[in-house]
């Protein structure tokens, strides 16, 4: 190879390596620390580009279309993407919902059995489907006994104001807004532990040396933002309030419905021959197959990739 050919080849490689990874994420409490890290300058935007979407459906589509390399999704959404033929892997857990995902209803609906014949809004291509299954099981109802209104989360508030729905399966920060508008809570994820788990998924074709440094940097800065939220909650809430569309006190209240695993707890969830998250994935995959949310049982091999987590998680990763 001539000298000039070598120079051209090296330049091409440099361009490839300089291209930032793109991560899709909609507005959600568990994903907000990523945006906090970006806004505070902790996240190197030459390595990572965050793409804010309107809802989970849009994030999934961007991932499938190849517009992004990774996405912030719930575990069931990740399983659905895999069932559609796109190989993706979980590299980090953002949160485990413990009350932040919920079913809200108007005053005429006193308990779950009152949902019969009512209009229930939900995001049909996302975690709303799995929540719906659980709610109907507890209520001893079938889909034929209710009126389903497929509607994306960014439209929940408008549908509620326009009285297009009687109840809605939703989550924070939209839930806090609806609760101030007369909705009341009938069900939340405290009644369904480990059902809603938000994760960072990457396309498997992006899990290579080219993006390894950027993925590790993103995860490290997310944990830095989590530490700030833990150690300085009021300051962190103030900084992310506008992103979430909530007041500072509302932000702090909303986070009470989430468990936010740090680096150590991410290792507990993702490491080992039988990662804890894998058990949750198996249960979800079975549930989704039984209710025809996926066409075939998921092959869970290579679902979890823990090598991008910080190794020395007692060290300061603020750099």
C-alpha atoms as a PDB file:
ATOM      1  CA  UNK A   1       0.000   0.000   0.000  1.00  0.00           C
ATOM      2  CA  UNK A   2       1.376   3.428  -0.952  1.00  0.00           C
ATOM      3  CA  UNK A   3       1.988   6.163   1.598  1.00  0.00           C
ATOM      4  CA  UNK A   4      -0.991   8.193   0.365  1.00  0.00           C
ATOM      5  CA  UNK A   5      -3.261   5.146   0.437  1.00  0.00           C
ATOM      6  CA  UNK A   6      -2.255   4.546   4.067  1.00  0.00           C
ATOM      7  CA  UNK A   7      -2.989   8.158   4.930  1.00  0.00           C
ATOM      8  CA  UNK A   8      -6.432   7.928   3.297  1.00  0.00           C
ATOM      9  CA  UNK A   9      -7.204   4.672   5.109  1.00  0.00           C
ATOM     10  CA  UNK A  10      -6.143   6.150   8.443  1.00  0.00           C
ATOM     11  CA  UNK A  11      -8.272   9.245   7.800  1.00  0.00           C
ATOM     12  CA  UNK A  12     -11.295   7.090   7.023  1.00  0.00           C
ATOM     13  CA  UNK A  13     -10.798   5.147  10.257  1.00  0.00           C
ATOM     14  CA  UNK A  14     -10.464   8.398  12.197  1.00  0.00           C
ATOM     15  CA  UNK A  15     -13.765   9.636  10.745  1.00  0.00           C
ATOM     16  CA  UNK A  16     -15.481   6.420  11.771  1.00  0.00           C
ATOM     17  CA  UNK A  17     -14.088   6.568  15.268  1.00  0.00           C
ATOM     18  CA  UNK A  18     -15.055  10.242  15.625  1.00  0.00           C
ATOM     19  CA  UNK A  19     -18.719   9.603  14.800  1.00  0.00           C
ATOM     20  CA  UNK A  20     -20.715   9.703  18.061  1.00  0.00           C
ATOM     21  CA  UNK A  21     -23.098   6.928  19.014  1.00  0.00           C
ATOM     22  CA  UNK A  22     -26.741   7.988  18.855  1.00  0.00           C
ATOM     23  CA  UNK A  23     -29.114   7.002  21.668  1.00  0.00           C
ATOM     24  CA  UNK A  24     -32.885   7.486  21.464  1.00  0.00           C
ATOM     25  CA  UNK A  25     -34.835   8.251  24.645  1.00  0.00           C
ATOM     26  CA  UNK A  26     -38.169   9.831  25.458  1.00  0.00           C
ATOM     27  CA  UNK A  27     -38.986  11.854  28.571  1.00  0.00           C
ATOM     28  CA  UNK A  28     -38.975   9.539  31.586  1.00  0.00           C
ATOM     29  CA  UNK A  29     -37.605   9.795  35.110  1.00  0.00           C
ATOM     30  CA  UNK A  30     -35.129   6.958  34.698  1.00  0.00           C
ATOM     31  CA  UNK A  31     -33.615   8.436  31.548  1.00  0.00           C
ATOM     32  CA  UNK A  32     -33.416  12.003  32.859  1.00  0.00           C
ATOM     33  CA  UNK A  33     -29.946  11.546  34.461  1.00  0.00           C
ATOM     34  CA  UNK A  34     -28.512  11.011  30.949  1.00  0.00           C
ATOM     35  CA  UNK A  35     -29.889  14.368  29.874  1.00  0.00           C
ATOM     36  CA  UNK A  36     -28.671  15.951  33.109  1.00  0.00           C
ATOM     37  CA  UNK A  37     -25.174  14.653  32.327  1.00  0.00           C
ATOM     38  CA  UNK A  38     -25.385  16.125  28.839  1.00  0.00           C
ATOM     39  CA  UNK A  39     -26.684  19.495  29.993  1.00  0.00           C
ATOM     40  CA  UNK A  40     -24.028  19.775  32.699  1.00  0.00           C
ATOM     41  CA  UNK A  41     -21.260  19.056  30.201  1.00  0.00           C
ATOM     42  CA  UNK A  42     -20.293  15.727  31.770  1.00  0.00           C
ATOM     43  CA  UNK A  43     -21.313  13.831  28.648  1.00  0.00           C
ATOM     44  CA  UNK A  44     -18.947  14.312  25.739  1.00  0.00           C
ATOM     45  CA  UNK A  45     -21.266  15.036  22.826  1.00  0.00           C
ATOM     46  CA  UNK A  46     -18.475  14.165  20.397  1.00  0.00           C
ATOM     47  CA  UNK A  47     -18.794  10.612  21.698  1.00  0.00           C
ATOM     48  CA  UNK A  48     -22.524  10.353  22.462  1.00  0.00           C
ATOM     49  CA  UNK A  49     -25.536  12.068  20.874  1.00  0.00           C
ATOM     50  CA  UNK A  50     -28.835  11.857  22.747  1.00  0.00           C
ATOM     51  CA  UNK A  51     -31.908  11.887  20.504  1.00  0.00           C
ATOM     52  CA  UNK A  52     -35.019  12.910  22.432  1.00  0.00           C
ATOM     53  CA  UNK A  53     -38.144  11.246  21.026  1.00  0.00           C
ATOM     54  CA  UNK A  54     -41.817  11.817  21.803  1.00  0.00           C
ATOM     55  CA  UNK A  55     -42.502   8.305  23.089  1.00  0.00           C
ATOM     56  CA  UNK A  56     -41.202   4.749  23.322  1.00  0.00           C
ATOM     57  CA  UNK A  57     -42.820   3.823  20.006  1.00  0.00           C
ATOM     58  CA  UNK A  58     -40.726   6.473  18.256  1.00  0.00           C
ATOM     59  CA  UNK A  59     -37.540   5.261  19.992  1.00  0.00           C
ATOM     60  CA  UNK A  60     -38.218   1.696  18.873  1.00  0.00           C
ATOM     61  CA  UNK A  61     -38.803   2.823  15.292  1.00  0.00           C
ATOM     62  CA  UNK A  62     -35.595   4.878  15.257  1.00  0.00           C
ATOM     63  CA  UNK A  63     -33.692   1.825  16.479  1.00  0.00           C
ATOM     64  CA  UNK A  64     -35.231  -0.467  13.858  1.00  0.00           C
ATOM     65  CA  UNK A  65     -34.665   2.060  11.073  1.00  0.00           C
ATOM     66  CA  UNK A  66     -30.979   2.352  11.998  1.00  0.00           C
ATOM     67  CA  UNK A  67     -31.289   6.047  12.823  1.00  0.00           C
ATOM     68  CA  UNK A  68     -29.785   5.380  16.269  1.00  0.00           C
ATOM     69  CA  UNK A  69     -27.343   2.840  17.681  1.00  0.00           C
ATOM     70  CA  UNK A  70     -29.127   2.334  20.974  1.00  0.00           C
ATOM     71  CA  UNK A  71     -32.248   3.270  22.876  1.00  0.00           C
ATOM     72  CA  UNK A  72     -33.641   3.628  26.367  1.00  0.00           C
ATOM     73  CA  UNK A  73     -36.513   1.126  26.551  1.00  0.00           C
ATOM     74  CA  UNK A  74     -38.343  -1.102  28.975  1.00  0.00           C
ATOM     75  CA  UNK A  75     -37.211  -4.716  29.090  1.00  0.00           C
ATOM     76  CA  UNK A  76     -40.395  -5.932  27.413  1.00  0.00           C
ATOM     77  CA  UNK A  77     -39.875  -3.401  24.618  1.00  0.00           C
ATOM     78  CA  UNK A  78     -36.339  -4.733  24.146  1.00  0.00           C
ATOM     79  CA  UNK A  79     -37.730  -8.269  23.893  1.00  0.00           C
ATOM     80  CA  UNK A  80     -40.236  -7.089  21.297  1.00  0.00           C
ATOM     81  CA  UNK A  81     -37.467  -5.497  19.211  1.00  0.00           C
ATOM     82  CA  UNK A  82     -35.527  -8.776  19.315  1.00  0.00           C
ATOM     83  CA  UNK A  83     -38.635 -10.718  18.297  1.00  0.00           C
ATOM     84  CA  UNK A  84     -38.933  -8.425  15.266  1.00  0.00           C
ATOM     85  CA  UNK A  85     -35.561  -9.667  14.073  1.00  0.00           C
ATOM     86  CA  UNK A  86     -33.235  -6.888  15.240  1.00  0.00           C
ATOM     87  CA  UNK A  87     -30.460  -8.209  17.508  1.00  0.00           C
ATOM     88  CA  UNK A  88     -30.082  -5.894  20.495  1.00  0.00           C
ATOM     89  CA  UNK A  89     -28.495  -6.378  23.901  1.00  0.00           C
ATOM     90  CA  UNK A  90     -28.976  -4.836  27.329  1.00  0.00           C
ATOM     91  CA  UNK A  91     -25.850  -3.048  28.565  1.00  0.00           C
ATOM     92  CA  UNK A  92     -27.245  -1.216  31.619  1.00  0.00           C
ATOM     93  CA  UNK A  93     -30.322  -0.996  33.836  1.00  0.00           C
ATOM     94  CA  UNK A  94     -31.719   2.504  34.318  1.00  0.00           C
ATOM     95  CA  UNK A  95     -34.399   1.720  36.874  1.00  0.00           C
ATOM     96  CA  UNK A  96     -36.928  -0.705  38.294  1.00  0.00           C
ATOM     97  CA  UNK A  97     -40.397   0.803  38.524  1.00  0.00           C
ATOM     98  CA  UNK A  98     -41.928   0.611  41.980  1.00  0.00           C
ATOM     99  CA  UNK A  99     -44.951   2.835  41.583  1.00  0.00           C
ATOM    100  CA  UNK A 100     -43.976   5.259  38.798  1.00  0.00           C
ATOM    101  CA  UNK A 101     -45.991   3.356  36.149  1.00  0.00           C
ATOM    102  CA  UNK A 102     -49.706   3.315  36.884  1.00  0.00           C
ATOM    103  CA  UNK A 103     -53.336   3.132  35.857  1.00  0.00           C
ATOM    104  CA  UNK A 104     -55.231   6.371  36.433  1.00  0.00           C
ATOM    105  CA  UNK A 105     -59.008   6.762  36.182  1.00  0.00           C
ATOM    106  CA  UNK A 106     -61.768   9.316  36.567  1.00  0.00           C
ATOM    107  CA  UNK A 107     -63.860   9.604  39.716  1.00  0.00           C
ATOM    108  CA  UNK A 108     -66.624   7.326  38.435  1.00  0.00           C
ATOM    109  CA  UNK A 109     -64.266   4.318  38.447  1.00  0.00           C
ATOM    110  CA  UNK A 110     -63.757   3.220  42.044  1.00  0.00           C
ATOM    111  CA  UNK A 111     -62.011  -0.111  41.553  1.00  0.00           C
ATOM    112  CA  UNK A 112     -60.565  -2.275  38.779  1.00  0.00           C
ATOM    113  CA  UNK A 113     -63.800  -4.183  38.181  1.00  0.00           C
ATOM    114  CA  UNK A 114     -65.462  -0.864  37.288  1.00  0.00           C
ATOM    115  CA  UNK A 115     -63.294  -0.760  34.149  1.00  0.00           C
ATOM    116  CA  UNK A 116     -65.790  -3.004  32.374  1.00  0.00           C
ATOM    117  CA  UNK A 117     -67.150  -1.172  29.348  1.00  0.00           C
ATOM    118  CA  UNK A 118     -64.833   1.822  29.908  1.00  0.00           C
ATOM    119  CA  UNK A 119     -62.395   3.490  27.506  1.00  0.00           C
ATOM    120  CA  UNK A 120     -58.820   2.719  28.518  1.00  0.00           C
ATOM    121  CA  UNK A 121     -55.960   4.605  26.904  1.00  0.00           C
ATOM    122  CA  UNK A 122     -52.570   2.920  26.544  1.00  0.00           C
ATOM    123  CA  UNK A 123     -49.496   2.952  24.306  1.00  0.00           C
ATOM    124  CA  UNK A 124     -50.083  -0.205  22.315  1.00  0.00           C
ATOM    125  CA  UNK A 125     -46.543  -0.852  21.112  1.00  0.00           C
ATOM    126  CA  UNK A 126     -44.812  -0.323  24.447  1.00  0.00           C
ATOM    127  CA  UNK A 127     -44.896  -1.261  28.120  1.00  0.00           C
ATOM    128  CA  UNK A 128     -48.580  -0.292  28.233  1.00  0.00           C
ATOM    129  CA  UNK A 129     -49.433  -3.671  26.702  1.00  0.00           C
ATOM    130  CA  UNK A 130     -47.766  -5.625  29.507  1.00  0.00           C
ATOM    131  CA  UNK A 131     -49.346  -3.405  32.154  1.00  0.00           C
ATOM    132  CA  UNK A 132     -52.735  -3.966  30.538  1.00  0.00           C
ATOM    133  CA  UNK A 133     -52.357  -7.740  30.810  1.00  0.00           C
ATOM    134  CA  UNK A 134     -51.614  -7.533  34.532  1.00  0.00           C
ATOM    135  CA  UNK A 135     -54.462  -5.096  35.211  1.00  0.00           C
ATOM    136  CA  UNK A 136     -57.023  -7.232  33.382  1.00  0.00           C
ATOM    137  CA  UNK A 137     -55.846 -10.334  35.235  1.00  0.00           C
ATOM    138  CA  UNK A 138     -56.396  -8.653  38.610  1.00  0.00           C
ATOM    139  CA  UNK A 139     -59.737  -7.182  37.492  1.00  0.00           C
ATOM    140  CA  UNK A 140     -60.909 -10.565  36.097  1.00  0.00           C
ATOM    141  CA  UNK A 141     -61.714  -8.897  32.795  1.00  0.00           C
ATOM    142  CA  UNK A 142     -60.862  -9.604  29.170  1.00  0.00           C
ATOM    143  CA  UNK A 143     -59.980  -7.204  26.365  1.00  0.00           C
ATOM    144  CA  UNK A 144     -63.439  -7.778  24.896  1.00  0.00           C
ATOM    145  CA  UNK A 145     -65.019  -6.324  28.037  1.00  0.00           C
ATOM    146  CA  UNK A 146     -63.288  -2.955  27.769  1.00  0.00           C
ATOM    147  CA  UNK A 147     -62.797  -0.347  25.048  1.00  0.00           C
ATOM    148  CA  UNK A 148     -59.116   0.000  24.187  1.00  0.00           C
ATOM    149  CA  UNK A 149     -57.891   3.384  22.955  1.00  0.00           C
ATOM    150  CA  UNK A 150     -54.330   3.114  21.554  1.00  0.00           C
ATOM    151  CA  UNK A 151     -52.627   6.426  22.232  1.00  0.00           C
ATOM    152  CA  UNK A 152     -48.980   7.359  22.685  1.00  0.00           C
ATOM    153  CA  UNK A 153     -47.826   8.706  26.029  1.00  0.00           C
ATOM    154  CA  UNK A 154     -47.166  12.224  24.746  1.00  0.00           C
ATOM    155  CA  UNK A 155     -50.880  12.445  23.887  1.00  0.00           C
ATOM    156  CA  UNK A 156     -52.241  11.133  27.206  1.00  0.00           C
ATOM    157  CA  UNK A 157     -52.743  14.570  28.756  1.00  0.00           C
ATOM    158  CA  UNK A 158     -54.632  15.937  25.778  1.00  0.00           C
ATOM    159  CA  UNK A 159     -56.832  12.826  25.538  1.00  0.00           C
ATOM    160  CA  UNK A 160     -57.644  13.172  29.237  1.00  0.00           C
ATOM    161  CA  UNK A 161     -58.488  16.872  28.958  1.00  0.00           C
ATOM    162  CA  UNK A 162     -60.701  16.169  25.938  1.00  0.00           C
ATOM    163  CA  UNK A 163     -62.492  13.354  27.807  1.00  0.00           C
ATOM    164  CA  UNK A 164     -61.603  10.825  25.120  1.00  0.00           C
ATOM    165  CA  UNK A 165     -60.720   8.224  27.758  1.00  0.00           C
ATOM    166  CA  UNK A 166     -62.060   7.120  31.140  1.00  0.00           C
ATOM    167  CA  UNK A 167     -58.783   5.611  32.353  1.00  0.00           C
ATOM    168  CA  UNK A 168     -55.208   5.492  31.118  1.00  0.00           C
ATOM    169  CA  UNK A 169     -52.130   3.348  31.623  1.00  0.00           C
ATOM    170  CA  UNK A 170     -49.363   5.917  31.911  1.00  0.00           C
ATOM    171  CA  UNK A 171     -46.216   6.866  33.792  1.00  0.00           C
ATOM    172  CA  UNK A 172     -44.250   9.771  35.164  1.00  0.00           C
ATOM    173  CA  UNK A 173     -44.004  12.653  34.486  1.00  0.00           C
ATOM    174  CA  UNK A 174     -47.368  12.549  32.673  1.00  0.00           C
ATOM    175  CA  UNK A 175     -48.958  10.792  35.659  1.00  0.00           C
ATOM    176  CA  UNK A 176     -48.235  13.681  38.024  1.00  0.00           C
ATOM    177  CA  UNK A 177     -49.857  16.103  35.576  1.00  0.00           C
ATOM    178  CA  UNK A 178     -52.998  13.954  35.292  1.00  0.00           C
ATOM    179  CA  UNK A 179     -53.242  13.550  39.062  1.00  0.00           C
ATOM    180  CA  UNK A 180     -53.435  17.343  39.343  1.00  0.00           C
ATOM    181  CA  UNK A 181     -56.265  17.277  36.792  1.00  0.00           C
ATOM    182  CA  UNK A 182     -58.615  15.061  38.763  1.00  0.00           C
ATOM    183  CA  UNK A 183     -57.396  11.566  37.922  1.00  0.00           C
ATOM    184  CA  UNK A 184     -56.915   9.063  40.730  1.00  0.00           C
ATOM    185  CA  UNK A 185     -54.701   6.015  40.945  1.00  0.00           C
ATOM    186  CA  UNK A 186     -56.190   2.517  40.687  1.00  0.00           C
ATOM    187  CA  UNK A 187     -53.029   0.459  40.166  1.00  0.00           C
ATOM    188  CA  UNK A 188     -49.275   0.921  40.040  1.00  0.00           C
ATOM    189  CA  UNK A 189     -46.138  -1.168  39.715  1.00  0.00           C
ATOM    190  CA  UNK A 190     -45.837  -1.695  43.464  1.00  0.00           C
ATOM    191  CA  UNK A 191     -48.475  -4.369  42.806  1.00  0.00           C
ATOM    192  CA  UNK A 192     -46.352  -5.896  40.034  1.00  0.00           C
ATOM    193  CA  UNK A 193     -42.730  -6.000  41.274  1.00  0.00           C
ATOM    194  CA  UNK A 194     -39.994  -6.273  38.627  1.00  0.00           C
ATOM    195  CA  UNK A 195     -42.492  -6.106  35.770  1.00  0.00           C
ATOM    196  CA  UNK A 196     -41.340  -2.732  34.429  1.00  0.00           C
ATOM    197  CA  UNK A 197     -37.565  -2.446  34.150  1.00  0.00           C
ATOM    198  CA  UNK A 198     -35.964   0.225  32.002  1.00  0.00           C
ATOM    199  CA  UNK A 199     -32.730  -0.636  30.246  1.00  0.00           C
ATOM    200  CA  UNK A 200     -30.192   0.759  27.824  1.00  0.00           C
ATOM    201  CA  UNK A 201     -30.138  -1.437  24.728  1.00  0.00           C
ATOM    202  CA  UNK A 202     -27.630  -1.320  21.900  1.00  0.00           C
ATOM    203  CA  UNK A 203     -27.843  -2.748  18.423  1.00  0.00           C
ATOM    204  CA  UNK A 204     -25.442  -5.690  18.372  1.00  0.00           C
ATOM    205  CA  UNK A 205     -23.765  -4.293  15.266  1.00  0.00           C
ATOM    206  CA  UNK A 206     -22.686  -1.312  17.408  1.00  0.00           C
ATOM    207  CA  UNK A 207     -21.163  -3.486  20.133  1.00  0.00           C
ATOM    208  CA  UNK A 208     -17.622  -3.449  18.805  1.00  0.00           C
ATOM    209  CA  UNK A 209     -14.298  -1.721  19.416  1.00  0.00           C
ATOM    210  CA  UNK A 210     -15.445   1.307  17.435  1.00  0.00           C
ATOM    211  CA  UNK A 211     -18.085   2.280  19.992  1.00  0.00           C
ATOM    212  CA  UNK A 212     -16.823   0.585  23.152  1.00  0.00           C
ATOM    213  CA  UNK A 213     -15.247   3.717  24.633  1.00  0.00           C
ATOM    214  CA  UNK A 214     -18.330   5.819  23.899  1.00  0.00           C
ATOM    215  CA  UNK A 215     -20.708   3.269  25.456  1.00  0.00           C
ATOM    216  CA  UNK A 216     -18.591   3.053  28.601  1.00  0.00           C
ATOM    217  CA  UNK A 217     -18.437   6.854  28.749  1.00  0.00           C
ATOM    218  CA  UNK A 218     -22.227   7.154  28.487  1.00  0.00           C
ATOM    219  CA  UNK A 219     -22.776   4.607  31.249  1.00  0.00           C
ATOM    220  CA  UNK A 220     -20.144   6.184  33.488  1.00  0.00           C
ATOM    221  CA  UNK A 221     -21.633   9.667  33.149  1.00  0.00           C
ATOM    222  CA  UNK A 222     -25.121   8.286  33.811  1.00  0.00           C
ATOM    223  CA  UNK A 223     -23.854   6.925  37.127  1.00  0.00           C
ATOM    224  CA  UNK A 224     -22.211  10.288  37.847  1.00  0.00           C
ATOM    225  CA  UNK A 225     -25.588  11.979  37.360  1.00  0.00           C
ATOM    226  CA  UNK A 226     -27.224   9.363  39.606  1.00  0.00           C
ATOM    227  CA  UNK A 227     -24.735  10.184  42.357  1.00  0.00           C
ATOM    228  CA  UNK A 228     -25.604  13.859  41.991  1.00  0.00           C
ATOM    229  CA  UNK A 229     -29.309  13.030  42.244  1.00  0.00           C
ATOM    230  CA  UNK A 230     -28.649  10.951  45.355  1.00  0.00           C
ATOM    231  CA  UNK A 231     -26.295  13.387  47.122  1.00  0.00           C
ATOM    232  CA  UNK A 232     -27.894  16.672  46.004  1.00  0.00           C
ATOM    233  CA  UNK A 233     -31.522  15.797  45.207  1.00  0.00           C
ATOM    234  CA  UNK A 234     -32.908  19.333  45.314  1.00  0.00           C
ATOM    235  CA  UNK A 235     -30.201  20.683  43.028  1.00  0.00           C
ATOM    236  CA  UNK A 236     -30.622  17.769  40.606  1.00  0.00           C
ATOM    237  CA  UNK A 237     -34.411  18.131  40.664  1.00  0.00           C
ATOM    238  CA  UNK A 238     -34.072  21.835  39.891  1.00  0.00           C
ATOM    239  CA  UNK A 239     -31.809  21.065  36.915  1.00  0.00           C
ATOM    240  CA  UNK A 240     -34.073  18.400  35.374  1.00  0.00           C
ATOM    241  CA  UNK A 241     -37.475  19.917  36.230  1.00  0.00           C
ATOM    242  CA  UNK A 242     -37.831  21.670  32.870  1.00  0.00           C
ATOM    243  CA  UNK A 243     -36.856  18.508  30.977  1.00  0.00           C
ATOM    244  CA  UNK A 244     -39.579  16.572  32.814  1.00  0.00           C
ATOM    245  CA  UNK A 245     -42.116  19.390  32.705  1.00  0.00           C
ATOM    246  CA  UNK A 246     -42.619  19.285  36.481  1.00  0.00           C
ATOM    247  CA  UNK A 247     -41.981  21.513  39.482  1.00  0.00           C
ATOM    248  CA  UNK A 248     -38.999  20.711  41.710  1.00  0.00           C
ATOM    249  CA  UNK A 249     -41.115  19.197  44.496  1.00  0.00           C
ATOM    250  CA  UNK A 250     -43.078  17.179  41.938  1.00  0.00           C
ATOM    251  CA  UNK A 251     -39.816  15.788  40.573  1.00  0.00           C
ATOM    252  CA  UNK A 252     -38.704  14.653  44.020  1.00  0.00           C
ATOM    253  CA  UNK A 253     -42.093  13.069  44.673  1.00  0.00           C
ATOM    254  CA  UNK A 254     -42.128  11.257  41.341  1.00  0.00           C
ATOM    255  CA  UNK A 255     -38.730   9.657  41.949  1.00  0.00           C
ATOM    256  CA  UNK A 256     -40.114   7.907  45.034  1.00  0.00           C
ATOM    257  CA  UNK A 257     -41.698   5.428  42.622  1.00  0.00           C
ATOM    258  CA  UNK A 258     -38.367   4.278  41.199  1.00  0.00           C
ATOM    259  CA  UNK A 259     -35.412   2.151  42.203  1.00  0.00           C
ATOM    260  CA  UNK A 260     -32.288   3.497  40.487  1.00  0.00           C
ATOM    261  CA  UNK A 261     -29.483   0.901  40.456  1.00  0.00           C
ATOM    262  CA  UNK A 262     -25.996   2.353  40.685  1.00  0.00           C
ATOM    263  CA  UNK A 263     -22.908   0.680  39.194  1.00  0.00           C
ATOM    264  CA  UNK A 264     -22.659  -1.875  42.017  1.00  0.00           C
ATOM    265  CA  UNK A 265     -26.299  -2.881  41.723  1.00  0.00           C
ATOM    266  CA  UNK A 266     -26.061  -2.987  37.939  1.00  0.00           C
ATOM    267  CA  UNK A 267     -23.352  -5.603  38.374  1.00  0.00           C
ATOM    268  CA  UNK A 268     -25.674  -7.557  40.677  1.00  0.00           C
ATOM    269  CA  UNK A 269     -28.388  -7.451  38.012  1.00  0.00           C
ATOM    270  CA  UNK A 270     -26.291  -8.126  34.915  1.00  0.00           C
ATOM    271  CA  UNK A 271     -23.252 -10.156  35.977  1.00  0.00           C
ATOM    272  CA  UNK A 272     -22.747 -13.861  36.507  1.00  0.00           C
ATOM    273  CA  UNK A 273     -23.686 -17.006  34.607  1.00  0.00           C
ATOM    274  CA  UNK A 274     -27.359 -16.516  35.506  1.00  0.00           C
ATOM    275  CA  UNK A 275     -27.897 -12.742  35.782  1.00  0.00           C
ATOM    276  CA  UNK A 276     -30.871 -11.662  37.868  1.00  0.00           C
ATOM    277  CA  UNK A 277     -32.202  -9.649  34.960  1.00  0.00           C
ATOM    278  CA  UNK A 278     -32.314 -12.800  32.865  1.00  0.00           C
ATOM    279  CA  UNK A 279     -34.938 -14.276  35.212  1.00  0.00           C
ATOM    280  CA  UNK A 280     -37.138 -11.225  34.709  1.00  0.00           C
ATOM    281  CA  UNK A 281     -36.607 -11.440  30.944  1.00  0.00           C
ATOM    282  CA  UNK A 282     -37.658 -15.099  30.877  1.00  0.00           C
ATOM    283  CA  UNK A 283     -40.847 -14.368  32.816  1.00  0.00           C
ATOM    284  CA  UNK A 284     -41.687 -11.427  30.565  1.00  0.00           C
ATOM    285  CA  UNK A 285     -40.962 -13.371  27.387  1.00  0.00           C
ATOM    286  CA  UNK A 286     -43.281 -16.179  28.508  1.00  0.00           C
ATOM    287  CA  UNK A 287     -46.030 -13.732  29.401  1.00  0.00           C
ATOM    288  CA  UNK A 288     -45.687 -11.873  26.115  1.00  0.00           C
ATOM    289  CA  UNK A 289     -45.741 -15.068  24.052  1.00  0.00           C
ATOM    290  CA  UNK A 290     -48.797 -16.404  25.882  1.00  0.00           C
ATOM    291  CA  UNK A 291     -50.668 -13.181  25.156  1.00  0.00           C
ATOM    292  CA  UNK A 292     -49.439 -12.938  21.551  1.00  0.00           C
ATOM    293  CA  UNK A 293     -47.374  -9.798  22.053  1.00  0.00           C
ATOM    294  CA  UNK A 294     -44.484 -11.639  20.396  1.00  0.00           C
ATOM    295  CA  UNK A 295     -44.868 -14.321  17.736  1.00  0.00           C
ATOM    296  CA  UNK A 296     -42.367 -16.768  19.168  1.00  0.00           C
ATOM    297  CA  UNK A 297     -40.492 -17.300  22.433  1.00  0.00           C
ATOM    298  CA  UNK A 298     -37.441 -15.074  22.625  1.00  0.00           C
ATOM    299  CA  UNK A 299     -34.006 -16.557  22.240  1.00  0.00           C
ATOM    300  CA  UNK A 300     -32.370 -14.860  25.217  1.00  0.00           C
ATOM    301  CA  UNK A 301     -28.798 -15.732  24.318  1.00  0.00           C
ATOM    302  CA  UNK A 302     -26.613 -12.621  24.176  1.00  0.00           C
ATOM    303  CA  UNK A 303     -29.441 -10.528  25.656  1.00  0.00           C
ATOM    304  CA  UNK A 304     -27.186  -9.246  28.439  1.00  0.00           C
ATOM    305  CA  UNK A 305     -23.753  -7.712  27.906  1.00  0.00           C
ATOM    306  CA  UNK A 306     -22.200  -6.482  31.148  1.00  0.00           C
ATOM    307  CA  UNK A 307     -18.693  -5.718  29.903  1.00  0.00           C
ATOM    308  CA  UNK A 308     -19.497  -2.026  29.380  1.00  0.00           C
ATOM    309  CA  UNK A 309     -20.214  -1.391  33.076  1.00  0.00           C
ATOM    310  CA  UNK A 310     -17.504   0.295  35.158  1.00  0.00           C
ATOM    311  CA  UNK A 311     -15.149  -2.276  36.642  1.00  0.00           C
ATOM    312  CA  UNK A 312     -13.734  -0.224  39.493  1.00  0.00           C
ATOM    313  CA  UNK A 313     -17.066   1.025  40.780  1.00  0.00           C
ATOM    314  CA  UNK A 314     -15.620   2.239  44.043  1.00  0.00           C
ATOM    315  CA  UNK A 315     -13.533   4.757  42.181  1.00  0.00           C
ATOM    316  CA  UNK A 316     -14.593   8.243  41.212  1.00  0.00           C
ATOM    317  CA  UNK A 317     -15.860   8.170  37.616  1.00  0.00           C
ATOM    318  CA  UNK A 318     -16.453  11.883  37.340  1.00  0.00           C
ATOM    319  CA  UNK A 319     -13.862  12.398  34.677  1.00  0.00           C
END
